[in-house]
Amino acid sequence: MYNDGAGAALDRCVFLEWGECTDDVTAFAFPDGDRVHLACRLRDSGGAARGTAARHEPTVVSVSRAVLVETLERGLAVAEDEWSVRLAAQ
């Protein structure tokens, strides 16, 4: 993603590379003890509503590692259930 030494460190923290639904998002997860700091920024040129300015500064939130893991596990369970239903319907 980056060509410099600092970029290599950022490459290890890339988060949310889940396909076309995240193409306009740059997101990183930085571990810090028992917390994880999630930083996210939209890469598009306009705001979400017509006529608004794009937000260029990142949004950052800190969560406990346990909460992040539980949330991802629940999301995976929901996705697996959804795919099972879709496959059964084929």
PDB file of N, CA and C in Angstrom:
ATOM      1  N   MET A   1       0.823  -1.188   0.000  1.00  0.00           N
ATOM      2  CA  MET A   1       0.000   0.000   0.000  1.00  0.00           C
ATOM      3  C   MET A   1       0.871   1.257   0.000  1.00  0.00           C
ATOM      4  N   TYR A   2       2.002   1.222   0.684  1.00  0.00           N
ATOM      5  CA  TYR A   2       2.893   2.369   0.790  1.00  0.00           C
ATOM      6  C   TYR A   2       4.292   1.955   0.373  1.00  0.00           C
ATOM      7  N   ASN A   3       5.133   2.928  -0.006  1.00  0.00           N
ATOM      8  CA  ASN A   3       6.481   2.630  -0.466  1.00  0.00           C
ATOM      9  C   ASN A   3       7.562   2.936   0.559  1.00  0.00           C
ATOM     10  N   ASP A   4       7.246   3.527   1.674  1.00  0.00           N
ATOM     11  CA  ASP A   4       8.273   3.877   2.648  1.00  0.00           C
ATOM     12  C   ASP A   4       8.254   2.918   3.838  1.00  0.00           C
ATOM     13  N   GLY A   5       9.239   3.035   4.732  1.00  0.00           N
ATOM     14  CA  GLY A   5       9.329   2.163   5.902  1.00  0.00           C
ATOM     15  C   GLY A   5       8.141   2.298   6.825  1.00  0.00           C
ATOM     16  N   ALA A   6       7.649   3.520   7.018  1.00  0.00           N
ATOM     17  CA  ALA A   6       6.480   3.725   7.882  1.00  0.00           C
ATOM     18  C   ALA A   6       5.260   3.054   7.272  1.00  0.00           C
ATOM     19  N   GLY A   7       5.182   3.038   5.954  1.00  0.00           N
ATOM     20  CA  GLY A   7       4.065   2.396   5.279  1.00  0.00           C
ATOM     21  C   GLY A   7       4.023   0.903   5.524  1.00  0.00           C
ATOM     22  N   ALA A   8       5.196   0.276   5.618  1.00  0.00           N
ATOM     23  CA  ALA A   8       5.231  -1.162   5.894  1.00  0.00           C
ATOM     24  C   ALA A   8       4.613  -1.463   7.256  1.00  0.00           C
ATOM     25  N   ALA A   9       4.866  -0.588   8.227  1.00  0.00           N
ATOM     26  CA  ALA A   9       4.273  -0.763   9.553  1.00  0.00           C
ATOM     27  C   ALA A   9       2.754  -0.601   9.476  1.00  0.00           C
ATOM     28  N   LEU A  10       2.282   0.361   8.681  1.00  0.00           N
ATOM     29  CA  LEU A  10       0.839   0.563   8.517  1.00  0.00           C
ATOM     30  C   LEU A  10       0.193  -0.623   7.801  1.00  0.00           C
ATOM     31  N   ASP A  11       0.901  -1.228   6.844  1.00  0.00           N
ATOM     32  CA  ASP A  11       0.351  -2.382   6.132  1.00  0.00           C
ATOM     33  C   ASP A  11      -0.047  -3.495   7.089  1.00  0.00           C
ATOM     34  N   ARG A  12       0.685  -3.657   8.187  1.00  0.00           N
ATOM     35  CA  ARG A  12       0.368  -4.703   9.166  1.00  0.00           C
ATOM     36  C   ARG A  12      -0.894  -4.373   9.949  1.00  0.00           C
ATOM     37  N   CYS A  13      -1.340  -3.126   9.905  1.00  0.00           N
ATOM     38  CA  CYS A  13      -2.504  -2.697  10.685  1.00  0.00           C
ATOM     39  C   CYS A  13      -3.754  -2.481   9.839  1.00  0.00           C
ATOM     40  N   VAL A  14      -3.680  -2.778   8.534  1.00  0.00           N
ATOM     41  CA  VAL A  14      -4.834  -2.580   7.656  1.00  0.00           C
ATOM     42  C   VAL A  14      -5.996  -3.447   8.143  1.00  0.00           C
ATOM     43  N   PHE A  15      -7.173  -2.859   8.128  1.00  0.00           N
ATOM     44  CA  PHE A  15      -8.373  -3.503   8.652  1.00  0.00           C
ATOM     45  C   PHE A  15      -9.519  -3.200   7.697  1.00  0.00           C
ATOM     46  N   LEU A  16     -10.480  -4.069   7.587  1.00  0.00           N
ATOM     47  CA  LEU A  16     -11.679  -3.876   6.757  1.00  0.00           C
ATOM     48  C   LEU A  16     -11.425  -3.982   5.262  1.00  0.00           C
ATOM     49  N   GLU A  17     -10.492  -4.780   4.824  1.00  0.00           N
ATOM     50  CA  GLU A  17     -10.303  -5.015   3.398  1.00  0.00           C
ATOM     51  C   GLU A  17     -11.196  -6.178   2.999  1.00  0.00           C
ATOM     52  N   TRP A  18     -12.506  -5.934   2.933  1.00  0.00           N
ATOM     53  CA  TRP A  18     -13.478  -7.001   2.749  1.00  0.00           C
ATOM     54  C   TRP A  18     -14.178  -6.966   1.409  1.00  0.00           C
ATOM     55  N   GLY A  19     -13.582  -6.311   0.420  1.00  0.00           N
ATOM     56  CA  GLY A  19     -14.188  -6.305  -0.902  1.00  0.00           C
ATOM     57  C   GLY A  19     -14.734  -4.948  -1.294  1.00  0.00           C
ATOM     58  N   GLU A  20     -15.579  -4.957  -2.312  1.00  0.00           N
ATOM     59  CA  GLU A  20     -16.028  -3.706  -2.913  1.00  0.00           C
ATOM     60  C   GLU A  20     -16.800  -2.793  -1.965  1.00  0.00           C
ATOM     61  N   CYS A  21     -17.405  -3.334  -0.916  1.00  0.00           N
ATOM     62  CA  CYS A  21     -18.166  -2.478   0.002  1.00  0.00           C
ATOM     63  C   CYS A  21     -17.238  -1.600   0.838  1.00  0.00           C
ATOM     64  N   THR A  22     -15.945  -1.909   0.872  1.00  0.00           N
ATOM     65  CA  THR A  22     -15.000  -1.081   1.634  1.00  0.00           C
ATOM     66  C   THR A  22     -13.970  -0.411   0.731  1.00  0.00           C
ATOM     67  N   ASP A  23     -14.220  -0.362  -0.579  1.00  0.00           N
ATOM     68  CA  ASP A  23     -13.262   0.238  -1.511  1.00  0.00           C
ATOM     69  C   ASP A  23     -12.964   1.700  -1.198  1.00  0.00           C
ATOM     70  N   ASP A  24     -13.936   2.439  -0.696  1.00  0.00           N
ATOM     71  CA  ASP A  24     -13.752   3.868  -0.429  1.00  0.00           C
ATOM     72  C   ASP A  24     -13.357   4.153   1.019  1.00  0.00           C
ATOM     73  N   VAL A  25     -12.898   3.130   1.728  1.00  0.00           N
ATOM     74  CA  VAL A  25     -12.555   3.277   3.141  1.00  0.00           C
ATOM     75  C   VAL A  25     -11.094   2.906   3.371  1.00  0.00           C
ATOM     76  N   THR A  26     -10.405   3.729   4.119  1.00  0.00           N
ATOM     77  CA  THR A  26      -9.081   3.384   4.617  1.00  0.00           C
ATOM     78  C   THR A  26      -9.259   3.158   6.103  1.00  0.00           C
ATOM     79  N   ALA A  27      -8.935   1.963   6.569  1.00  0.00           N
ATOM     80  CA  ALA A  27      -9.152   1.637   7.978  1.00  0.00           C
ATOM     81  C   ALA A  27      -7.949   0.884   8.538  1.00  0.00           C
ATOM     82  N   PHE A  28      -7.600   1.211   9.767  1.00  0.00           N
ATOM     83  CA  PHE A  28      -6.477   0.577  10.452  1.00  0.00           C
ATOM     84  C   PHE A  28      -6.897   0.203  11.865  1.00  0.00           C
ATOM     85  N   ALA A  29      -6.310  -0.864  12.387  1.00  0.00           N
ATOM     86  CA  ALA A  29      -6.525  -1.292  13.768  1.00  0.00           C
ATOM     87  C   ALA A  29      -5.152  -1.334  14.443  1.00  0.00           C
ATOM     88  N   PHE A  30      -4.977  -0.518  15.474  1.00  0.00           N
ATOM     89  CA  PHE A  30      -3.708  -0.433  16.180  1.00  0.00           C
ATOM     90  C   PHE A  30      -3.848  -1.037  17.575  1.00  0.00           C
ATOM     91  N   PRO A  31      -3.175  -2.159  17.851  1.00  0.00           N
ATOM     92  CA  PRO A  31      -3.239  -2.748  19.190  1.00  0.00           C
ATOM     93  C   PRO A  31      -2.486  -1.883  20.196  1.00  0.00           C
ATOM     94  N   ASP A  32      -3.005  -1.827  21.415  1.00  0.00           N
ATOM     95  CA  ASP A  32      -2.392  -1.024  22.482  1.00  0.00           C
ATOM     96  C   ASP A  32      -2.768  -1.667  23.813  1.00  0.00           C
ATOM     97  N   GLY A  33      -1.967  -2.650  24.248  1.00  0.00           N
ATOM     98  CA  GLY A  33      -2.291  -3.354  25.484  1.00  0.00           C
ATOM     99  C   GLY A  33      -3.583  -4.126  25.325  1.00  0.00           C
ATOM    100  N   ASP A  34      -4.534  -3.922  26.235  1.00  0.00           N
ATOM    101  CA  ASP A  34      -5.815  -4.630  26.134  1.00  0.00           C
ATOM    102  C   ASP A  34      -6.846  -3.849  25.322  1.00  0.00           C
ATOM    103  N   ARG A  35      -6.426  -2.784  24.652  1.00  0.00           N
ATOM    104  CA  ARG A  35      -7.305  -1.968  23.807  1.00  0.00           C
ATOM    105  C   ARG A  35      -6.859  -2.081  22.353  1.00  0.00           C
ATOM    106  N   VAL A  36      -7.785  -1.798  21.454  1.00  0.00           N
ATOM    107  CA  VAL A  36      -7.495  -1.681  20.029  1.00  0.00           C
ATOM    108  C   VAL A  36      -8.074  -0.350  19.570  1.00  0.00           C
ATOM    109  N   HIS A  37      -7.267   0.446  18.896  1.00  0.00           N
ATOM    110  CA  HIS A  37      -7.714   1.727  18.364  1.00  0.00           C
ATOM    111  C   HIS A  37      -8.025   1.518  16.882  1.00  0.00           C
ATOM    112  N   LEU A  38      -9.262   1.797  16.498  1.00  0.00           N
ATOM    113  CA  LEU A  38      -9.696   1.664  15.109  1.00  0.00           C
ATOM    114  C   LEU A  38      -9.769   3.052  14.495  1.00  0.00           C
ATOM    115  N   ALA A  39      -9.063   3.258  13.394  1.00  0.00           N
ATOM    116  CA  ALA A  39      -9.061   4.543  12.696  1.00  0.00           C
ATOM    117  C   ALA A  39      -9.608   4.311  11.289  1.00  0.00           C
ATOM    118  N   CYS A  40     -10.525   5.158  10.867  1.00  0.00           N
ATOM    119  CA  CYS A  40     -11.198   4.967   9.587  1.00  0.00           C
ATOM    120  C   CYS A  40     -11.396   6.320   8.904  1.00  0.00           C
ATOM    121  N   ARG A  41     -11.194   6.336   7.582  1.00  0.00           N
ATOM    122  CA  ARG A  41     -11.414   7.558   6.817  1.00  0.00           C
ATOM    123  C   ARG A  41     -11.981   7.191   5.450  1.00  0.00           C
ATOM    124  N   LEU A  42     -12.982   7.921   4.993  1.00  0.00           N
ATOM    125  CA  LEU A  42     -13.534   7.718   3.657  1.00  0.00           C
ATOM    126  C   LEU A  42     -12.597   8.335   2.638  1.00  0.00           C
ATOM    127  N   ARG A  43     -12.426   7.665   1.486  1.00  0.00           N
ATOM    128  CA  ARG A  43     -11.540   8.166   0.439  1.00  0.00           C
ATOM    129  C   ARG A  43     -12.289   8.864  -0.676  1.00  0.00           C
ATOM    130  N   ASP A  44     -13.613   8.969  -0.600  1.00  0.00           N
ATOM    131  CA  ASP A  44     -14.337   9.572  -1.717  1.00  0.00           C
ATOM    132  C   ASP A  44     -14.208  11.088  -1.706  1.00  0.00           C
ATOM    133  N   SER A  45     -14.666  11.715  -2.778  1.00  0.00           N
ATOM    134  CA  SER A  45     -14.455  13.156  -2.926  1.00  0.00           C
ATOM    135  C   SER A  45     -15.617  14.007  -2.443  1.00  0.00           C
ATOM    136  N   GLY A  46     -16.728  13.423  -2.079  1.00  0.00           N
ATOM    137  CA  GLY A  46     -17.880  14.204  -1.638  1.00  0.00           C
ATOM    138  C   GLY A  46     -18.430  13.707  -0.334  1.00  0.00           C
ATOM    139  N   GLY A  47     -19.297  14.508   0.259  1.00  0.00           N
ATOM    140  CA  GLY A  47     -19.921  14.115   1.506  1.00  0.00           C
ATOM    141  C   GLY A  47     -21.032  13.104   1.259  1.00  0.00           C
ATOM    142  N   ALA A  48     -21.529  12.534   2.337  1.00  0.00           N
ATOM    143  CA  ALA A  48     -22.581  11.520   2.222  1.00  0.00           C
ATOM    144  C   ALA A  48     -23.874  12.104   1.662  1.00  0.00           C
ATOM    145  N   ALA A  49     -24.159  13.345   1.986  1.00  0.00           N
ATOM    146  CA  ALA A  49     -25.368  14.005   1.479  1.00  0.00           C
ATOM    147  C   ALA A  49     -24.965  15.008   0.396  1.00  0.00           C
ATOM    148  N   ARG A  50     -25.801  15.131  -0.613  1.00  0.00           N
ATOM    149  CA  ARG A  50     -25.509  16.040  -1.717  1.00  0.00           C
ATOM    150  C   ARG A  50     -25.215  17.455  -1.206  1.00  0.00           C
ATOM    151  N   GLY A  51     -24.146  18.026  -1.716  1.00  0.00           N
ATOM    152  CA  GLY A  51     -23.802  19.392  -1.361  1.00  0.00           C
ATOM    153  C   GLY A  51     -23.002  19.537  -0.080  1.00  0.00           C
ATOM    154  N   THR A  52     -22.655  18.427   0.574  1.00  0.00           N
ATOM    155  CA  THR A  52     -21.851  18.526   1.790  1.00  0.00           C
ATOM    156  C   THR A  52     -20.384  18.272   1.458  1.00  0.00           C
ATOM    157  N   ALA A  53     -19.523  18.756   2.305  1.00  0.00           N
ATOM    158  CA  ALA A  53     -18.086  18.570   2.103  1.00  0.00           C
ATOM    159  C   ALA A  53     -17.669  17.199   2.608  1.00  0.00           C
ATOM    160  N   ALA A  54     -16.666  16.634   1.942  1.00  0.00           N
ATOM    161  CA  ALA A  54     -16.135  15.342   2.378  1.00  0.00           C
ATOM    162  C   ALA A  54     -15.420  15.495   3.703  1.00  0.00           C
ATOM    163  N   ARG A  55     -15.485  14.466   4.515  1.00  0.00           N
ATOM    164  CA  ARG A  55     -14.771  14.457   5.793  1.00  0.00           C
ATOM    165  C   ARG A  55     -13.383  13.890   5.518  1.00  0.00           C
ATOM    166  N   HIS A  56     -12.339  14.684   5.733  1.00  0.00           N
ATOM    167  CA  HIS A  56     -10.982  14.249   5.415  1.00  0.00           C
ATOM    168  C   HIS A  56     -10.212  13.744   6.625  1.00  0.00           C
ATOM    169  N   GLU A  57     -10.607  14.127   7.818  1.00  0.00           N
ATOM    170  CA  GLU A  57      -9.909  13.643   9.009  1.00  0.00           C
ATOM    171  C   GLU A  57     -10.472  12.275   9.397  1.00  0.00           C
ATOM    172  N   PRO A  58      -9.634  11.436   9.967  1.00  0.00           N
ATOM    173  CA  PRO A  58     -10.116  10.096  10.337  1.00  0.00           C
ATOM    174  C   PRO A  58     -11.025  10.140  11.561  1.00  0.00           C
ATOM    175  N   THR A  59     -11.847   9.130  11.667  1.00  0.00           N
ATOM    176  CA  THR A  59     -12.640   8.889  12.859  1.00  0.00           C
ATOM    177  C   THR A  59     -11.930   7.783  13.626  1.00  0.00           C
ATOM    178  N   VAL A  60     -11.734   7.966  14.914  1.00  0.00           N
ATOM    179  CA  VAL A  60     -11.001   6.994  15.723  1.00  0.00           C
ATOM    180  C   VAL A  60     -11.853   6.580  16.913  1.00  0.00           C
ATOM    181  N   VAL A  61     -11.873   5.282  17.187  1.00  0.00           N
ATOM    182  CA  VAL A  61     -12.571   4.755  18.357  1.00  0.00           C
ATOM    183  C   VAL A  61     -11.660   3.721  18.997  1.00  0.00           C
ATOM    184  N   SER A  62     -11.705   3.626  20.310  1.00  0.00           N
ATOM    185  CA  SER A  62     -10.929   2.627  21.045  1.00  0.00           C
ATOM    186  C   SER A  62     -11.880   1.651  21.720  1.00  0.00           C
ATOM    187  N   VAL A  63     -11.594   0.361  21.581  1.00  0.00           N
ATOM    188  CA  VAL A  63     -12.414  -0.689  22.188  1.00  0.00           C
ATOM    189  C   VAL A  63     -11.493  -1.702  22.840  1.00  0.00           C
ATOM    190  N   SER A  64     -12.045  -2.469  23.755  1.00  0.00           N
ATOM    191  CA  SER A  64     -11.241  -3.532  24.351  1.00  0.00           C
ATOM    192  C   SER A  64     -11.064  -4.636  23.320  1.00  0.00           C
ATOM    193  N   ARG A  65      -9.944  -5.338  23.407  1.00  0.00           N
ATOM    194  CA  ARG A  65      -9.697  -6.443  22.478  1.00  0.00           C
ATOM    195  C   ARG A  65     -10.812  -7.484  22.586  1.00  0.00           C
ATOM    196  N   ALA A  66     -11.249  -7.767  23.809  1.00  0.00           N
ATOM    197  CA  ALA A  66     -12.290  -8.781  24.015  1.00  0.00           C
ATOM    198  C   ALA A  66     -13.582  -8.394  23.304  1.00  0.00           C
ATOM    199  N   VAL A  67     -13.981  -7.139  23.405  1.00  0.00           N
ATOM    200  CA  VAL A  67     -15.210  -6.676  22.743  1.00  0.00           C
ATOM    201  C   VAL A  67     -15.057  -6.760  21.228  1.00  0.00           C
ATOM    202  N   LEU A  68     -13.909  -6.378  20.700  1.00  0.00           N
ATOM    203  CA  LEU A  68     -13.683  -6.454  19.259  1.00  0.00           C
ATOM    204  C   LEU A  68     -13.772  -7.900  18.778  1.00  0.00           C
ATOM    205  N   VAL A  69     -13.121  -8.814  19.480  1.00  0.00           N
ATOM    206  CA  VAL A  69     -13.161 -10.230  19.093  1.00  0.00           C
ATOM    207  C   VAL A  69     -14.577 -10.779  19.181  1.00  0.00           C
ATOM    208  N   GLU A  70     -15.297 -10.467  20.256  1.00  0.00           N
ATOM    209  CA  GLU A  70     -16.688 -10.939  20.394  1.00  0.00           C
ATOM    210  C   GLU A  70     -17.560 -10.406  19.260  1.00  0.00           C
ATOM    211  N   THR A  71     -17.385  -9.155  18.903  1.00  0.00           N
ATOM    212  CA  THR A  71     -18.177  -8.551  17.832  1.00  0.00           C
ATOM    213  C   THR A  71     -17.878  -9.213  16.496  1.00  0.00           C
ATOM    214  N   LEU A  72     -16.601  -9.443  16.207  1.00  0.00           N
ATOM    215  CA  LEU A  72     -16.233 -10.098  14.952  1.00  0.00           C
ATOM    216  C   LEU A  72     -16.741 -11.533  14.909  1.00  0.00           C
ATOM    217  N   GLU A  73     -16.669 -12.237  16.035  1.00  0.00           N
ATOM    218  CA  GLU A  73     -17.177 -13.614  16.083  1.00  0.00           C
ATOM    219  C   GLU A  73     -18.684 -13.659  15.847  1.00  0.00           C
ATOM    220  N   ARG A  74     -19.423 -12.722  16.460  1.00  0.00           N
ATOM    221  CA  ARG A  74     -20.880 -12.674  16.237  1.00  0.00           C
ATOM    222  C   ARG A  74     -21.189 -12.346  14.788  1.00  0.00           C
ATOM    223  N   GLY A  75     -20.429 -11.413  14.206  1.00  0.00           N
ATOM    224  CA  GLY A  75     -20.620 -11.070  12.794  1.00  0.00           C
ATOM    225  C   GLY A  75     -20.365 -12.260  11.886  1.00  0.00           C
ATOM    226  N   LEU A  76     -19.330 -13.035  12.196  1.00  0.00           N
ATOM    227  CA  LEU A  76     -19.023 -14.225  11.411  1.00  0.00           C
ATOM    228  C   LEU A  76     -20.148 -15.257  11.528  1.00  0.00           C
ATOM    229  N   ALA A  77     -20.681 -15.429  12.733  1.00  0.00           N
ATOM    230  CA  ALA A  77     -21.786 -16.377  12.930  1.00  0.00           C
ATOM    231  C   ALA A  77     -23.008 -15.960  12.120  1.00  0.00           C
ATOM    232  N   VAL A  78     -23.319 -14.681  12.112  1.00  0.00           N
ATOM    233  CA  VAL A  78     -24.458 -14.184  11.329  1.00  0.00           C
ATOM    234  C   VAL A  78     -24.204 -14.413   9.842  1.00  0.00           C
ATOM    235  N   ALA A  79     -22.984 -14.122   9.386  1.00  0.00           N
ATOM    236  CA  ALA A  79     -22.650 -14.312   7.974  1.00  0.00           C
ATOM    237  C   ALA A  79     -22.743 -15.790   7.584  1.00  0.00           C
ATOM    238  N   GLU A  80     -22.262 -16.675   8.447  1.00  0.00           N
ATOM    239  CA  GLU A  80     -22.339 -18.109   8.159  1.00  0.00           C
ATOM    240  C   GLU A  80     -23.791 -18.571   8.069  1.00  0.00           C
ATOM    241  N   ASP A  81     -24.641 -18.078   8.970  1.00  0.00           N
ATOM    242  CA  ASP A  81     -26.067 -18.419   8.917  1.00  0.00           C
ATOM    243  C   ASP A  81     -26.691 -17.925   7.618  1.00  0.00           C
ATOM    244  N   GLU A  82     -26.356 -16.706   7.239  1.00  0.00           N
ATOM    245  CA  GLU A  82     -26.900 -16.112   6.016  1.00  0.00           C
ATOM    246  C   GLU A  82     -26.471 -16.923   4.795  1.00  0.00           C
ATOM    247  N   TRP A  83     -25.216 -17.290   4.730  1.00  0.00           N
ATOM    248  CA  TRP A  83     -24.736 -18.065   3.585  1.00  0.00           C
ATOM    249  C   TRP A  83     -25.361 -19.455   3.569  1.00  0.00           C
ATOM    250  N   SER A  84     -25.576 -20.043   4.726  1.00  0.00           N
ATOM    251  CA  SER A  84     -26.233 -21.363   4.774  1.00  0.00           C
ATOM    252  C   SER A  84     -27.634 -21.285   4.195  1.00  0.00           C
ATOM    253  N   VAL A  85     -28.358 -20.244   4.542  1.00  0.00           N
ATOM    254  CA  VAL A  85     -29.714 -20.052   4.009  1.00  0.00           C
ATOM    255  C   VAL A  85     -29.665 -19.851   2.496  1.00  0.00           C
ATOM    256  N   ARG A  86     -28.733 -19.029   2.037  1.00  0.00           N
ATOM    257  CA  ARG A  86     -28.624 -18.786   0.593  1.00  0.00           C
ATOM    258  C   ARG A  86     -28.258 -20.045  -0.175  1.00  0.00           C
ATOM    259  N   LEU A  87     -27.323 -20.812   0.351  1.00  0.00           N
ATOM    260  CA  LEU A  87     -26.916 -22.040  -0.333  1.00  0.00           C
ATOM    261  C   LEU A  87     -28.045 -23.066  -0.352  1.00  0.00           C
ATOM    262  N   ALA A  88     -28.806 -23.150   0.739  1.00  0.00           N
ATOM    263  CA  ALA A  88     -29.923 -24.088   0.791  1.00  0.00           C
ATOM    264  C   ALA A  88     -31.015 -23.715  -0.205  1.00  0.00           C
ATOM    265  N   ALA A  89     -31.137 -22.424  -0.499  1.00  0.00           N
ATOM    266  CA  ALA A  89     -32.178 -21.946  -1.413  1.00  0.00           C
ATOM    267  C   ALA A  89     -31.807 -22.178  -2.878  1.00  0.00           C
ATOM    268  N   GLN A  90     -30.562 -22.510  -3.146  1.00  0.00           N
ATOM    269  CA  GLN A  90     -30.138 -22.695  -4.551  1.00  0.00           C
ATOM    270  C   GLN A  90     -30.553 -24.011  -5.104  1.00  0.00           C
TER     271      GLN A  90
END
